[in-house]
Protein backbone atom coordinates (compact mmCIF):
# COMPACT_ATOMS: atom_id res chain seq x y z
CA MET A 1 -131.43 27.50 -254.61
CA LYS A 2 -130.44 23.91 -253.68
CA TYR A 3 -128.26 22.13 -255.21
CA VAL A 4 -130.64 19.33 -255.95
CA GLU A 5 -133.29 21.69 -257.18
CA VAL A 6 -130.86 22.91 -259.30
CA ALA A 7 -129.50 19.37 -260.44
CA LEU A 8 -133.63 18.84 -260.97
CA LYS A 9 -134.11 21.66 -262.97
CA ARG A 10 -130.94 21.57 -264.48
CA PRO A 11 -132.11 21.35 -268.89
CA PHE A 12 -131.32 18.49 -270.85
CA PRO A 13 -129.54 18.28 -272.80
CA ILE A 14 -131.44 19.61 -276.90
CA GLY A 15 -130.93 15.96 -278.53
CA SER A 16 -133.39 14.72 -276.01
CA VAL A 17 -136.07 17.19 -276.39
CA SER A 18 -138.38 16.28 -278.82
CA PHE A 19 -140.80 18.61 -281.05
CA ARG A 20 -144.28 18.05 -282.00
CA LYS A 21 -146.87 20.65 -284.29
CA GLY A 22 -149.26 22.52 -281.58
CA PRO A 23 -153.23 22.50 -281.66
CA GLY A 24 -153.95 23.18 -284.78
CA GLY A 25 -150.44 22.49 -286.40
CA GLY A 26 -149.18 25.84 -284.71
CA LYS A 27 -146.26 27.10 -282.82
CA GLU A 28 -143.29 23.97 -282.03
CA LEU A 29 -143.72 22.49 -278.62
CA ALA A 30 -140.99 21.16 -277.14
CA TYR A 31 -141.66 17.59 -275.15
CA ILE A 32 -139.38 15.04 -272.78
CA THR A 33 -139.78 10.88 -272.89
CA ALA A 34 -141.20 9.20 -269.54
CA ARG A 35 -137.69 7.42 -269.76
CA ASP A 36 -135.65 11.33 -269.30
CA VAL A 37 -137.95 12.12 -266.17
CA MET A 38 -136.42 8.54 -265.13
CA GLN A 39 -132.38 9.28 -266.01
CA ARG A 40 -133.44 12.39 -264.23
CA LEU A 41 -134.27 11.68 -261.65
CA ASP A 42 -131.98 8.29 -260.91
CA GLU A 43 -129.08 10.62 -261.98
CA VAL A 44 -130.17 13.23 -258.65
CA LEU A 45 -132.10 11.15 -256.07
CA LEU A 46 -130.92 7.15 -256.81
CA ILE A 47 -132.89 4.40 -258.40
CA ASP A 48 -133.69 4.28 -254.55
CA GLY A 49 -134.84 8.17 -253.57
CA TRP A 50 -137.78 8.49 -255.46
CA GLN A 51 -141.19 6.29 -256.47
CA ASP A 52 -144.45 6.32 -258.12
CA GLU A 53 -147.78 5.63 -257.41
CA TYR A 54 -150.76 5.79 -260.07
CA ASP A 55 -154.37 5.99 -259.79
CA TYR A 56 -157.73 6.07 -261.73
CA VAL A 57 -159.90 9.55 -260.76
CA GLY A 58 -162.96 11.10 -263.03
CA GLY A 59 -161.36 9.23 -265.40
CA ARG A 60 -158.24 10.82 -265.29
CA MET A 61 -154.36 8.70 -264.55
CA ILE A 62 -153.34 10.47 -261.74
CA CYS A 63 -149.31 9.71 -260.67
CA LYS A 64 -148.33 10.96 -257.58
CA LEU A 65 -145.25 10.67 -257.49
CA SER A 66 -142.42 10.72 -254.33
CA CYS A 67 -139.03 11.91 -253.51
CA ARG A 68 -136.46 11.70 -250.87
CA ILE A 69 -134.70 14.96 -250.95
CA ASP A 70 -132.74 16.10 -246.85
CA GLY A 71 -134.26 13.26 -245.76
CA LYS A 72 -137.65 13.96 -246.94
CA TRP A 73 -139.85 12.09 -248.69
CA ILE A 74 -142.10 14.99 -250.21
CA THR A 75 -145.06 13.59 -252.49
CA LYS A 76 -146.34 16.12 -255.51
CA SER A 77 -149.17 14.69 -258.05
CA ASP A 78 -151.08 15.32 -261.17
CA GLY A 79 -152.84 14.19 -264.05
CA ALA A 80 -153.33 13.25 -267.91
CA ASP A 81 -156.02 11.78 -269.86
CA ASP A 82 -155.26 9.26 -272.10
CA THR A 83 -154.13 9.86 -275.23
CA SER A 84 -155.50 8.77 -278.19
CA ILE A 85 -152.20 7.48 -279.42
CA GLU A 86 -151.89 4.98 -276.77
CA GLY A 87 -154.53 5.28 -274.71
CA ALA A 88 -153.81 5.12 -271.02
CA LYS A 89 -150.53 4.27 -271.22
CA GLY A 90 -149.89 7.61 -272.96
CA GLY A 91 -152.71 7.95 -270.17
CA ILE A 92 -149.08 6.86 -267.60
CA SER A 93 -146.88 8.74 -269.08
CA ASP A 94 -148.39 12.22 -269.64
CA SER A 95 -148.87 12.14 -266.12
CA PHE A 96 -145.87 11.46 -264.23
CA LYS A 97 -143.93 13.96 -266.77
CA ARG A 98 -146.14 16.85 -265.37
CA ALA A 99 -146.48 15.29 -262.17
CA ALA A 100 -142.01 15.70 -263.18
CA VAL A 101 -142.69 19.00 -263.42
CA LYS A 102 -143.95 20.40 -260.29
CA TYR A 103 -140.05 18.84 -258.86
CA GLY A 104 -139.53 21.17 -262.42
CA ILE A 105 -137.74 19.03 -264.66
CA PHE A 106 -138.12 20.35 -267.94
CA ARG A 107 -140.49 23.41 -266.37
CA TYR A 108 -138.41 25.83 -268.82
CA GLY A 109 -140.08 23.80 -271.62
CA TYR A 110 -143.09 26.22 -270.89
CA HIS A 111 -141.06 29.35 -270.79
CA PRO A 112 -142.41 31.12 -274.52
CA LEU A 113 -139.03 32.25 -275.11
CA ALA A 114 -137.14 28.42 -273.95
CA PHE A 115 -137.53 27.93 -277.85
CA ASN A 116 -137.89 29.79 -281.12
CA GLY A 117 -138.88 26.90 -283.15
CA ARG A 118 -136.49 23.89 -282.33
CA VAL A 119 -133.40 25.83 -281.48
CA PRO A 120 -133.04 26.54 -277.78
CA ALA A 121 -132.82 30.07 -275.67
CA ASP A 122 -129.23 29.74 -273.82
CA TRP A 123 -130.25 29.62 -270.85
CA ALA A 124 -132.08 26.11 -272.10
CA THR A 125 -129.19 24.52 -272.66
CA PRO A 126 -127.35 22.28 -269.77
CA GLU A 127 -123.99 25.00 -270.62
CA GLY A 128 -125.78 28.03 -270.41
CA TYR A 129 -127.58 26.91 -267.72
CA ASP A 130 -124.35 26.00 -266.27
CA LYS A 131 -122.81 29.50 -266.86
CA LEU A 132 -126.19 31.40 -265.29
CA MET A 133 -126.10 28.98 -261.47
CA ALA A 134 -122.21 29.88 -261.42
CA GLU A 135 -122.87 33.92 -262.48
CA ARG A 136 -125.88 34.09 -260.44
CA ASN A 137 -123.27 32.62 -257.18
CA ASN A 138 -120.51 34.88 -257.90
CA LYS A 139 -117.88 32.28 -259.10
CA ASN A 140 -116.49 31.16 -262.09
CA ILE A 141 -118.57 27.87 -264.53
CA SER A 142 -115.44 25.17 -262.81
CA GLU A 143 -115.64 26.87 -259.69
CA TRP A 144 -119.63 26.47 -259.75
CA ARG A 145 -119.54 23.56 -261.77
CA LYS A 146 -116.84 21.20 -258.95
CA GLU A 147 -118.75 22.81 -255.95
CA TYR A 148 -122.36 21.39 -257.80
CA GLU A 149 -120.58 17.38 -258.53
CA ASN A 150 -119.80 17.38 -254.92
CA ALA A 151 -122.55 18.32 -253.49
CA LEU A 152 -124.89 16.44 -255.18
CA LYS A 153 -122.67 13.30 -254.17
CA LYS A 154 -124.06 14.42 -251.09
CA GLN A 155 -127.04 13.88 -251.78
CA GLY A 156 -127.18 10.59 -253.04
């Protein structure tokens, strides 16, 4: 796995994750804000390494999220309806977050075992994820973090 992919997929600190009741008041659903996604993209790809564009198609807001990875622009799209809480603004934010999931950003949040209520699984925390990546790369955690951070500096 490339370091950029690892960085995009890295879990967010639990303080950045919010929760709401699912449909019918059921299971707690974890979510992040569009600002969290923007921050992640800025940190990993820098401010000139990504861009977004929106179209309204068939009653849905479509976000085209383009990221420059290894010098190439890659675009992934997804859509969302306007929300009952924030209308069109909610549709824009939701389509942006959904497009970001296609790059791995907060994809873990949709895994059924990522959270037990509001408590994240170990692998769904930044520290647990780093530990898992270090093990997969046969390194100790300090070696892994140093190699990872150096690789990201080269990306930017």
